[in-house]
């Protein structure tokens, strides 16, 4: 832990997590100007593993949403228009 000494006060430590910082070329410069003594740690992931993880999270969310809709289908049907048969 010689590269990451423990802070002596809680106020000294904060962090931010985002993958949006690399979509804009100006972001690193803006952060550097705003926080002169900030330390930046970049963690790179295997893009295939990351895509698969994102897929799994989406599937779980869809399943959760589906179960929620089934559980509250009577309330949902009261607020949604009923499709009319055409023809």
PDB file of N, CA and C in Angstrom:
ATOM      1  N   UNK A   1       0.802  -1.196   0.000  1.00  0.00           N
ATOM      2  CA  UNK A   1       0.000   0.000   0.000  1.00  0.00           C
ATOM      3  C   UNK A   1       0.850   1.267   0.000  1.00  0.00           C
ATOM      4  N   UNK A   2       2.079   1.197  -0.416  1.00  0.00           N
ATOM      5  CA  UNK A   2       2.926   2.377  -0.400  1.00  0.00           C
ATOM      6  C   UNK A   2       2.475   3.428  -1.417  1.00  0.00           C
ATOM      7  N   UNK A   3       1.788   2.989  -2.477  1.00  0.00           N
ATOM      8  CA  UNK A   3       1.339   3.943  -3.484  1.00  0.00           C
ATOM      9  C   UNK A   3       0.033   4.625  -3.092  1.00  0.00           C
ATOM     10  N   UNK A   4      -0.724   4.023  -2.176  1.00  0.00           N
ATOM     11  CA  UNK A   4      -2.008   4.561  -1.757  1.00  0.00           C
ATOM     12  C   UNK A   4      -2.031   4.701  -0.237  1.00  0.00           C
ATOM     13  N   UNK A   5      -1.351   5.708   0.292  1.00  0.00           N
ATOM     14  CA  UNK A   5      -1.320   5.864   1.746  1.00  0.00           C
ATOM     15  C   UNK A   5      -2.718   6.141   2.293  1.00  0.00           C
ATOM     16  N   UNK A   6      -2.961   5.651   3.501  1.00  0.00           N
ATOM     17  CA  UNK A   6      -4.256   5.882   4.137  1.00  0.00           C
ATOM     18  C   UNK A   6      -4.404   7.365   4.480  1.00  0.00           C
ATOM     19  N   UNK A   7      -5.582   7.920   4.230  1.00  0.00           N
ATOM     20  CA  UNK A   7      -5.783   9.324   4.604  1.00  0.00           C
ATOM     21  C   UNK A   7      -5.843   9.465   6.119  1.00  0.00           C
ATOM     22  N   UNK A   8      -5.418  10.600   6.616  1.00  0.00           N
ATOM     23  CA  UNK A   8      -5.472  10.832   8.057  1.00  0.00           C
ATOM     24  C   UNK A   8      -6.834  11.346   8.485  1.00  0.00           C
ATOM     25  N   UNK A   9      -7.573  11.922   7.554  1.00  0.00           N
ATOM     26  CA  UNK A   9      -8.925  12.406   7.846  1.00  0.00           C
ATOM     27  C   UNK A   9      -9.882  11.863   6.792  1.00  0.00           C
ATOM     28  N   UNK A  10     -11.134  11.637   7.188  1.00  0.00           N
ATOM     29  CA  UNK A  10     -12.143  11.115   6.268  1.00  0.00           C
ATOM     30  C   UNK A  10     -12.386  12.093   5.123  1.00  0.00           C
ATOM     31  N   UNK A  11     -12.292  13.382   5.391  1.00  0.00           N
ATOM     32  CA  UNK A  11     -12.560  14.399   4.368  1.00  0.00           C
ATOM     33  C   UNK A  11     -11.577  14.337   3.205  1.00  0.00           C
ATOM     34  N   UNK A  12     -10.441  13.698   3.397  1.00  0.00           N
ATOM     35  CA  UNK A  12      -9.422  13.653   2.362  1.00  0.00           C
ATOM     36  C   UNK A  12      -9.728  12.653   1.265  1.00  0.00           C
ATOM     37  N   UNK A  13     -10.638  11.727   1.520  1.00  0.00           N
ATOM     38  CA  UNK A  13     -10.870  10.666   0.561  1.00  0.00           C
ATOM     39  C   UNK A  13     -12.256  10.812  -0.081  1.00  0.00           C
ATOM     40  N   UNK A  14     -12.276  10.801  -1.386  1.00  0.00           N
ATOM     41  CA  UNK A  14     -13.537  10.747  -2.124  1.00  0.00           C
ATOM     42  C   UNK A  14     -13.240  10.059  -3.449  1.00  0.00           C
ATOM     43  N   UNK A  15     -14.293   9.593  -4.084  1.00  0.00           N
ATOM     44  CA  UNK A  15     -14.079   8.919  -5.353  1.00  0.00           C
ATOM     45  C   UNK A  15     -15.272   9.139  -6.266  1.00  0.00           C
ATOM     46  N   UNK A  16     -15.045   8.880  -7.523  1.00  0.00           N
ATOM     47  CA  UNK A  16     -16.048   9.031  -8.564  1.00  0.00           C
ATOM     48  C   UNK A  16     -15.869   7.870  -9.526  1.00  0.00           C
ATOM     49  N   UNK A  17     -16.968   7.302  -9.963  1.00  0.00           N
ATOM     50  CA  UNK A  17     -16.903   6.185 -10.901  1.00  0.00           C
ATOM     51  C   UNK A  17     -17.775   6.516 -12.099  1.00  0.00           C
ATOM     52  N   UNK A  18     -17.186   6.472 -13.272  1.00  0.00           N
ATOM     53  CA  UNK A  18     -17.957   6.718 -14.487  1.00  0.00           C
ATOM     54  C   UNK A  18     -17.156   6.246 -15.693  1.00  0.00           C
ATOM     55  N   UNK A  19     -17.877   5.786 -16.697  1.00  0.00           N
ATOM     56  CA  UNK A  19     -17.201   5.440 -17.941  1.00  0.00           C
ATOM     57  C   UNK A  19     -17.372   6.547 -18.972  1.00  0.00           C
ATOM     58  N   UNK A  20     -17.980   7.644 -18.587  1.00  0.00           N
ATOM     59  CA  UNK A  20     -18.236   8.751 -19.505  1.00  0.00           C
ATOM     60  C   UNK A  20     -17.050   9.710 -19.642  1.00  0.00           C
ATOM     61  N   UNK A  21     -16.069   9.578 -18.780  1.00  0.00           N
ATOM     62  CA  UNK A  21     -14.950  10.516 -18.824  1.00  0.00           C
ATOM     63  C   UNK A  21     -14.091  10.365 -20.074  1.00  0.00           C
ATOM     64  N   UNK A  22     -14.181   9.231 -20.723  1.00  0.00           N
ATOM     65  CA  UNK A  22     -13.339   9.005 -21.895  1.00  0.00           C
ATOM     66  C   UNK A  22     -14.064   9.270 -23.201  1.00  0.00           C
ATOM     67  N   UNK A  23     -15.309   9.705 -23.133  1.00  0.00           N
ATOM     68  CA  UNK A  23     -16.051  10.003 -24.358  1.00  0.00           C
ATOM     69  C   UNK A  23     -15.802  11.424 -24.839  1.00  0.00           C
ATOM     70  N   UNK A  24     -15.233  12.255 -23.997  1.00  0.00           N
ATOM     71  CA  UNK A  24     -14.961  13.644 -24.335  1.00  0.00           C
ATOM     72  C   UNK A  24     -13.477  13.928 -24.116  1.00  0.00           C
ATOM     73  N   UNK A  25     -12.808  14.443 -25.120  1.00  0.00           N
ATOM     74  CA  UNK A  25     -11.366  14.703 -25.008  1.00  0.00           C
ATOM     75  C   UNK A  25     -11.030  15.764 -23.971  1.00  0.00           C
ATOM     76  N   UNK A  26     -11.966  16.634 -23.661  1.00  0.00           N
ATOM     77  CA  UNK A  26     -11.711  17.718 -22.715  1.00  0.00           C
ATOM     78  C   UNK A  26     -11.854  17.288 -21.254  1.00  0.00           C
ATOM     79  N   UNK A  27     -12.508  16.172 -21.004  1.00  0.00           N
ATOM     80  CA  UNK A  27     -12.788  15.752 -19.621  1.00  0.00           C
ATOM     81  C   UNK A  27     -11.541  15.602 -18.753  1.00  0.00           C
ATOM     82  N   UNK A  28     -10.494  14.908 -19.204  1.00  0.00           N
ATOM     83  CA  UNK A  28      -9.309  14.785 -18.340  1.00  0.00           C
ATOM     84  C   UNK A  28      -8.681  16.136 -18.010  1.00  0.00           C
ATOM     85  N   UNK A  29      -8.678  17.045 -18.964  1.00  0.00           N
ATOM     86  CA  UNK A  29      -8.097  18.374 -18.725  1.00  0.00           C
ATOM     87  C   UNK A  29      -8.950  19.174 -17.751  1.00  0.00           C
ATOM     88  N   UNK A  30     -10.252  19.069 -17.882  1.00  0.00           N
ATOM     89  CA  UNK A  30     -11.151  19.771 -16.967  1.00  0.00           C
ATOM     90  C   UNK A  30     -10.983  19.245 -15.547  1.00  0.00           C
ATOM     91  N   UNK A  31     -10.906  17.932 -15.406  1.00  0.00           N
ATOM     92  CA  UNK A  31     -10.725  17.336 -14.084  1.00  0.00           C
ATOM     93  C   UNK A  31      -9.381  17.747 -13.488  1.00  0.00           C
ATOM     94  N   UNK A  32      -8.366  17.761 -14.303  1.00  0.00           N
ATOM     95  CA  UNK A  32      -7.035  18.140 -13.838  1.00  0.00           C
ATOM     96  C   UNK A  32      -7.009  19.598 -13.372  1.00  0.00           C
ATOM     97  N   UNK A  33      -7.672  20.474 -14.092  1.00  0.00           N
ATOM     98  CA  UNK A  33      -7.720  21.885 -13.699  1.00  0.00           C
ATOM     99  C   UNK A  33      -8.537  22.092 -12.431  1.00  0.00           C
ATOM    100  N   UNK A  34      -9.579  21.303 -12.263  1.00  0.00           N
ATOM    101  CA  UNK A  34     -10.447  21.444 -11.105  1.00  0.00           C
ATOM    102  C   UNK A  34      -9.820  20.837  -9.850  1.00  0.00           C
ATOM    103  N   UNK A  35      -9.196  19.683  -9.992  1.00  0.00           N
ATOM    104  CA  UNK A  35      -8.628  18.960  -8.850  1.00  0.00           C
ATOM    105  C   UNK A  35      -7.138  18.744  -9.088  1.00  0.00           C
ATOM    106  N   UNK A  36      -6.346  19.695  -8.685  1.00  0.00           N
ATOM    107  CA  UNK A  36      -4.913  19.684  -8.986  1.00  0.00           C
ATOM    108  C   UNK A  36      -4.173  18.479  -8.404  1.00  0.00           C
ATOM    109  N   UNK A  37      -4.558  18.025  -7.215  1.00  0.00           N
ATOM    110  CA  UNK A  37      -3.803  16.946  -6.574  1.00  0.00           C
ATOM    111  C   UNK A  37      -4.528  15.603  -6.637  1.00  0.00           C
ATOM    112  N   UNK A  38      -5.488  15.479  -7.503  1.00  0.00           N
ATOM    113  CA  UNK A  38      -6.268  14.233  -7.587  1.00  0.00           C
ATOM    114  C   UNK A  38      -5.421  13.096  -8.150  1.00  0.00           C
ATOM    115  N   UNK A  39      -5.651  11.923  -7.629  1.00  0.00           N
ATOM    116  CA  UNK A  39      -5.028  10.710  -8.153  1.00  0.00           C
ATOM    117  C   UNK A  39      -6.084   9.988  -8.970  1.00  0.00           C
ATOM    118  N   UNK A  40      -5.732   9.510 -10.134  1.00  0.00           N
ATOM    119  CA  UNK A  40      -6.680   8.849 -11.020  1.00  0.00           C
ATOM    120  C   UNK A  40      -6.293   7.392 -11.169  1.00  0.00           C
ATOM    121  N   UNK A  41      -7.253   6.523 -10.977  1.00  0.00           N
ATOM    122  CA  UNK A  41      -7.064   5.088 -11.121  1.00  0.00           C
ATOM    123  C   UNK A  41      -7.987   4.623 -12.243  1.00  0.00           C
ATOM    124  N   UNK A  42      -7.421   4.002 -13.230  1.00  0.00           N
ATOM    125  CA  UNK A  42      -8.206   3.521 -14.366  1.00  0.00           C
ATOM    126  C   UNK A  42      -8.191   2.000 -14.351  1.00  0.00           C
ATOM    127  N   UNK A  43      -9.379   1.422 -14.398  1.00  0.00           N
ATOM    128  CA  UNK A  43      -9.523  -0.030 -14.419  1.00  0.00           C
ATOM    129  C   UNK A  43     -10.126  -0.403 -15.765  1.00  0.00           C
ATOM    130  N   UNK A  44      -9.416  -1.195 -16.520  1.00  0.00           N
ATOM    131  CA  UNK A  44      -9.897  -1.626 -17.828  1.00  0.00           C
ATOM    132  C   UNK A  44     -10.411  -3.058 -17.731  1.00  0.00           C
ATOM    133  N   UNK A  45     -11.520  -3.306 -18.399  1.00  0.00           N
ATOM    134  CA  UNK A  45     -12.115  -4.640 -18.388  1.00  0.00           C
ATOM    135  C   UNK A  45     -12.086  -5.240 -19.785  1.00  0.00           C
ATOM    136  N   UNK A  46     -12.177  -6.535 -19.820  1.00  0.00           N
ATOM    137  CA  UNK A  46     -12.316  -7.242 -21.084  1.00  0.00           C
ATOM    138  C   UNK A  46     -13.663  -6.830 -21.689  1.00  0.00           C
ATOM    139  N   UNK A  47     -13.682  -6.254 -22.888  1.00  0.00           N
ATOM    140  CA  UNK A  47     -14.940  -5.760 -23.453  1.00  0.00           C
ATOM    141  C   UNK A  47     -15.976  -6.858 -23.679  1.00  0.00           C
ATOM    142  N   UNK A  48     -15.552  -8.071 -23.961  1.00  0.00           N
ATOM    143  CA  UNK A  48     -16.501  -9.163 -24.162  1.00  0.00           C
ATOM    144  C   UNK A  48     -17.169  -9.517 -22.836  1.00  0.00           C
ATOM    145  N   UNK A  49     -16.368  -9.620 -21.771  1.00  0.00           N
ATOM    146  CA  UNK A  49     -16.940  -9.901 -20.457  1.00  0.00           C
ATOM    147  C   UNK A  49     -17.873  -8.780 -20.021  1.00  0.00           C
ATOM    148  N   UNK A  50     -17.481  -7.549 -20.289  1.00  0.00           N
ATOM    149  CA  UNK A  50     -18.310  -6.396 -19.908  1.00  0.00           C
ATOM    150  C   UNK A  50     -19.629  -6.417 -20.666  1.00  0.00           C
ATOM    151  N   UNK A  51     -19.599  -6.713 -21.954  1.00  0.00           N
ATOM    152  CA  UNK A  51     -20.830  -6.784 -22.744  1.00  0.00           C
ATOM    153  C   UNK A  51     -21.733  -7.907 -22.249  1.00  0.00           C
ATOM    154  N   UNK A  52     -21.152  -9.059 -21.921  1.00  0.00           N
ATOM    155  CA  UNK A  52     -21.945 -10.171 -21.421  1.00  0.00           C
ATOM    156  C   UNK A  52     -22.572  -9.829 -20.074  1.00  0.00           C
ATOM    157  N   UNK A  53     -21.816  -9.173 -19.196  1.00  0.00           N
ATOM    158  CA  UNK A  53     -22.344  -8.746 -17.905  1.00  0.00           C
ATOM    159  C   UNK A  53     -23.507  -7.777 -18.112  1.00  0.00           C
ATOM    160  N   UNK A  54     -23.338  -6.824 -19.019  1.00  0.00           N
ATOM    161  CA  UNK A  54     -24.406  -5.854 -19.310  1.00  0.00           C
ATOM    162  C   UNK A  54     -25.650  -6.577 -19.822  1.00  0.00           C
ATOM    163  N   UNK A  55     -25.464  -7.558 -20.671  1.00  0.00           N
ATOM    164  CA  UNK A  55     -26.576  -8.362 -21.186  1.00  0.00           C
ATOM    165  C   UNK A  55     -27.300  -9.059 -20.032  1.00  0.00           C
ATOM    166  N   UNK A  56     -26.544  -9.667 -19.122  1.00  0.00           N
ATOM    167  CA  UNK A  56     -27.148 -10.370 -17.991  1.00  0.00           C
ATOM    168  C   UNK A  56     -27.952  -9.412 -17.111  1.00  0.00           C
ATOM    169  N   UNK A  57     -27.404  -8.234 -16.866  1.00  0.00           N
ATOM    170  CA  UNK A  57     -28.119  -7.247 -16.056  1.00  0.00           C
ATOM    171  C   UNK A  57     -29.409  -6.820 -16.750  1.00  0.00           C
ATOM    172  N   UNK A  58     -29.373  -6.627 -18.051  1.00  0.00           N
ATOM    173  CA  UNK A  58     -30.574  -6.254 -18.802  1.00  0.00           C
ATOM    174  C   UNK A  58     -31.628  -7.353 -18.720  1.00  0.00           C
ATOM    175  N   UNK A  59     -31.220  -8.595 -18.866  1.00  0.00           N
ATOM    176  CA  UNK A  59     -32.159  -9.716 -18.793  1.00  0.00           C
ATOM    177  C   UNK A  59     -32.787  -9.777 -17.399  1.00  0.00           C
ATOM    178  N   UNK A  60     -31.972  -9.626 -16.360  1.00  0.00           N
ATOM    179  CA  UNK A  60     -32.514  -9.641 -14.996  1.00  0.00           C
ATOM    180  C   UNK A  60     -33.496  -8.497 -14.782  1.00  0.00           C
ATOM    181  N   UNK A  61     -33.178  -7.337 -15.324  1.00  0.00           N
ATOM    182  CA  UNK A  61     -34.077  -6.188 -15.186  1.00  0.00           C
ATOM    183  C   UNK A  61     -35.395  -6.451 -15.903  1.00  0.00           C
ATOM    184  N   UNK A  62     -35.339  -7.009 -17.097  1.00  0.00           N
ATOM    185  CA  UNK A  62     -36.559  -7.315 -17.848  1.00  0.00           C
ATOM    186  C   UNK A  62     -37.394  -8.346 -17.095  1.00  0.00           C
ATOM    187  N   UNK A  63     -36.748  -9.369 -16.539  1.00  0.00           N
ATOM    188  CA  UNK A  63     -37.476 -10.369 -15.757  1.00  0.00           C
ATOM    189  C   UNK A  63     -38.114  -9.741 -14.526  1.00  0.00           C
ATOM    190  N   UNK A  64     -37.381  -8.872 -13.844  1.00  0.00           N
ATOM    191  CA  UNK A  64     -37.917  -8.200 -12.670  1.00  0.00           C
ATOM    192  C   UNK A  64     -39.113  -7.328 -13.052  1.00  0.00           C
ATOM    193  N   UNK A  65     -38.988  -6.595 -14.134  1.00  0.00           N
ATOM    194  CA  UNK A  65     -40.076  -5.738 -14.594  1.00  0.00           C
ATOM    195  C   UNK A  65     -41.295  -6.566 -14.969  1.00  0.00           C
ATOM    196  N   UNK A  66     -41.083  -7.690 -15.634  1.00  0.00           N
ATOM    197  CA  UNK A  66     -42.176  -8.577 -16.016  1.00  0.00           C
ATOM    198  C   UNK A  66     -42.896  -9.107 -14.778  1.00  0.00           C
ATOM    199  N   UNK A  67     -42.132  -9.539 -13.783  1.00  0.00           N
ATOM    200  CA  UNK A  67     -42.747 -10.031 -12.546  1.00  0.00           C
ATOM    201  C   UNK A  67     -43.517  -8.929 -11.828  1.00  0.00           C
ATOM    202  N   UNK A  68     -42.992  -7.736 -11.849  1.00  0.00           N
ATOM    203  CA  UNK A  68     -43.674  -6.600 -11.245  1.00  0.00           C
ATOM    204  C   UNK A  68     -44.989  -6.305 -11.962  1.00  0.00           C
ATOM    205  N   UNK A  69     -44.962  -6.365 -13.296  1.00  0.00           N
ATOM    206  CA  UNK A  69     -46.187  -6.137 -14.059  1.00  0.00           C
ATOM    207  C   UNK A  69     -47.222  -7.217 -13.793  1.00  0.00           C
ATOM    208  N   UNK A  70     -46.793  -8.462 -13.690  1.00  0.00           N
ATOM    209  CA  UNK A  70     -47.727  -9.554 -13.393  1.00  0.00           C
ATOM    210  C   UNK A  70     -48.335  -9.353 -12.009  1.00  0.00           C
ATOM    211  N   UNK A  71     -47.489  -8.970 -11.052  1.00  0.00           N
ATOM    212  CA  UNK A  71     -47.960  -8.786  -9.680  1.00  0.00           C
ATOM    213  C   UNK A  71     -49.008  -7.669  -9.593  1.00  0.00           C
ATOM    214  N   UNK A  72     -48.828  -6.623 -10.388  1.00  0.00           N
ATOM    215  CA  UNK A  72     -49.712  -5.456 -10.329  1.00  0.00           C
ATOM    216  C   UNK A  72     -50.523  -5.295 -11.610  1.00  0.00           C
ATOM    217  N   UNK A  73     -50.842  -6.398 -12.282  1.00  0.00           N
ATOM    218  CA  UNK A  73     -51.507  -6.288 -13.581  1.00  0.00           C
ATOM    219  C   UNK A  73     -52.879  -5.629 -13.483  1.00  0.00           C
ATOM    220  N   UNK A  74     -53.581  -5.803 -12.368  1.00  0.00           N
ATOM    221  CA  UNK A  74     -54.886  -5.155 -12.238  1.00  0.00           C
ATOM    222  C   UNK A  74     -54.745  -3.637 -12.205  1.00  0.00           C
ATOM    223  N   UNK A  75     -53.722  -3.119 -11.540  1.00  0.00           N
ATOM    224  CA  UNK A  75     -53.485  -1.678 -11.500  1.00  0.00           C
ATOM    225  C   UNK A  75     -53.016  -1.164 -12.854  1.00  0.00           C
ATOM    226  N   UNK A  76     -52.183  -1.941 -13.532  1.00  0.00           N
ATOM    227  CA  UNK A  76     -51.660  -1.536 -14.836  1.00  0.00           C
ATOM    228  C   UNK A  76     -52.785  -1.466 -15.858  1.00  0.00           C
ATOM    229  N   UNK A  77     -53.665  -2.449 -15.842  1.00  0.00           N
ATOM    230  CA  UNK A  77     -54.760  -2.488 -16.820  1.00  0.00           C
ATOM    231  C   UNK A  77     -55.718  -1.317 -16.633  1.00  0.00           C
ATOM    232  N   UNK A  78     -55.882  -0.826 -15.417  1.00  0.00           N
ATOM    233  CA  UNK A  78     -56.755   0.321 -15.182  1.00  0.00           C
ATOM    234  C   UNK A  78     -56.202   1.598 -15.803  1.00  0.00           C
ATOM    235  N   UNK A  79     -54.895   1.675 -15.971  1.00  0.00           N
ATOM    236  CA  UNK A  79     -54.268   2.898 -16.461  1.00  0.00           C
ATOM    237  C   UNK A  79     -53.844   2.823 -17.930  1.00  0.00           C
ATOM    238  N   UNK A  80     -53.923   1.674 -18.522  1.00  0.00           N
ATOM    239  CA  UNK A  80     -53.544   1.532 -19.937  1.00  0.00           C
ATOM    240  C   UNK A  80     -54.785   1.325 -20.786  1.00  0.00           C
ATOM    241  N   UNK A  81     -54.809   1.931 -21.972  1.00  0.00           N
ATOM    242  CA  UNK A  81     -55.962   1.705 -22.841  1.00  0.00           C
ATOM    243  C   UNK A  81     -55.955   0.250 -23.339  1.00  0.00           C
ATOM    244  N   UNK A  82     -57.135  -0.319 -23.443  1.00  0.00           N
ATOM    245  CA  UNK A  82     -57.279  -1.691 -23.926  1.00  0.00           C
ATOM    246  C   UNK A  82     -57.268  -1.660 -25.452  1.00  0.00           C
ATOM    247  N   UNK A  83     -56.385  -2.417 -26.104  1.00  0.00           N
ATOM    248  CA  UNK A  83     -56.347  -2.407 -27.571  1.00  0.00           C
ATOM    249  C   UNK A  83     -57.656  -2.963 -28.151  1.00  0.00           C
ATOM    250  N   UNK A  84     -58.130  -2.315 -29.186  1.00  0.00           N
ATOM    251  CA  UNK A  84     -59.356  -2.734 -29.846  1.00  0.00           C
ATOM    252  C   UNK A  84     -59.016  -3.635 -31.006  1.00  0.00           C
ATOM    253  N   UNK A  85     -59.823  -4.623 -31.228  1.00  0.00           N
ATOM    254  CA  UNK A  85     -59.629  -5.542 -32.332  1.00  0.00           C
ATOM    255  C   UNK A  85     -59.984  -4.812 -33.637  1.00  0.00           C
ATOM    256  N   UNK A  86     -59.112  -4.899 -34.616  1.00  0.00           N
ATOM    257  CA  UNK A  86     -59.317  -4.251 -35.902  1.00  0.00           C
ATOM    258  C   UNK A  86     -59.898  -5.258 -36.858  1.00  0.00           C
ATOM    259  N   UNK A  87     -60.952  -4.832 -37.582  1.00  0.00           N
ATOM    260  CA  UNK A  87     -61.479  -5.680 -38.645  1.00  0.00           C
ATOM    261  C   UNK A  87     -62.648  -6.444 -38.343  1.00  0.00           C
TER     262      UNK A  87
END
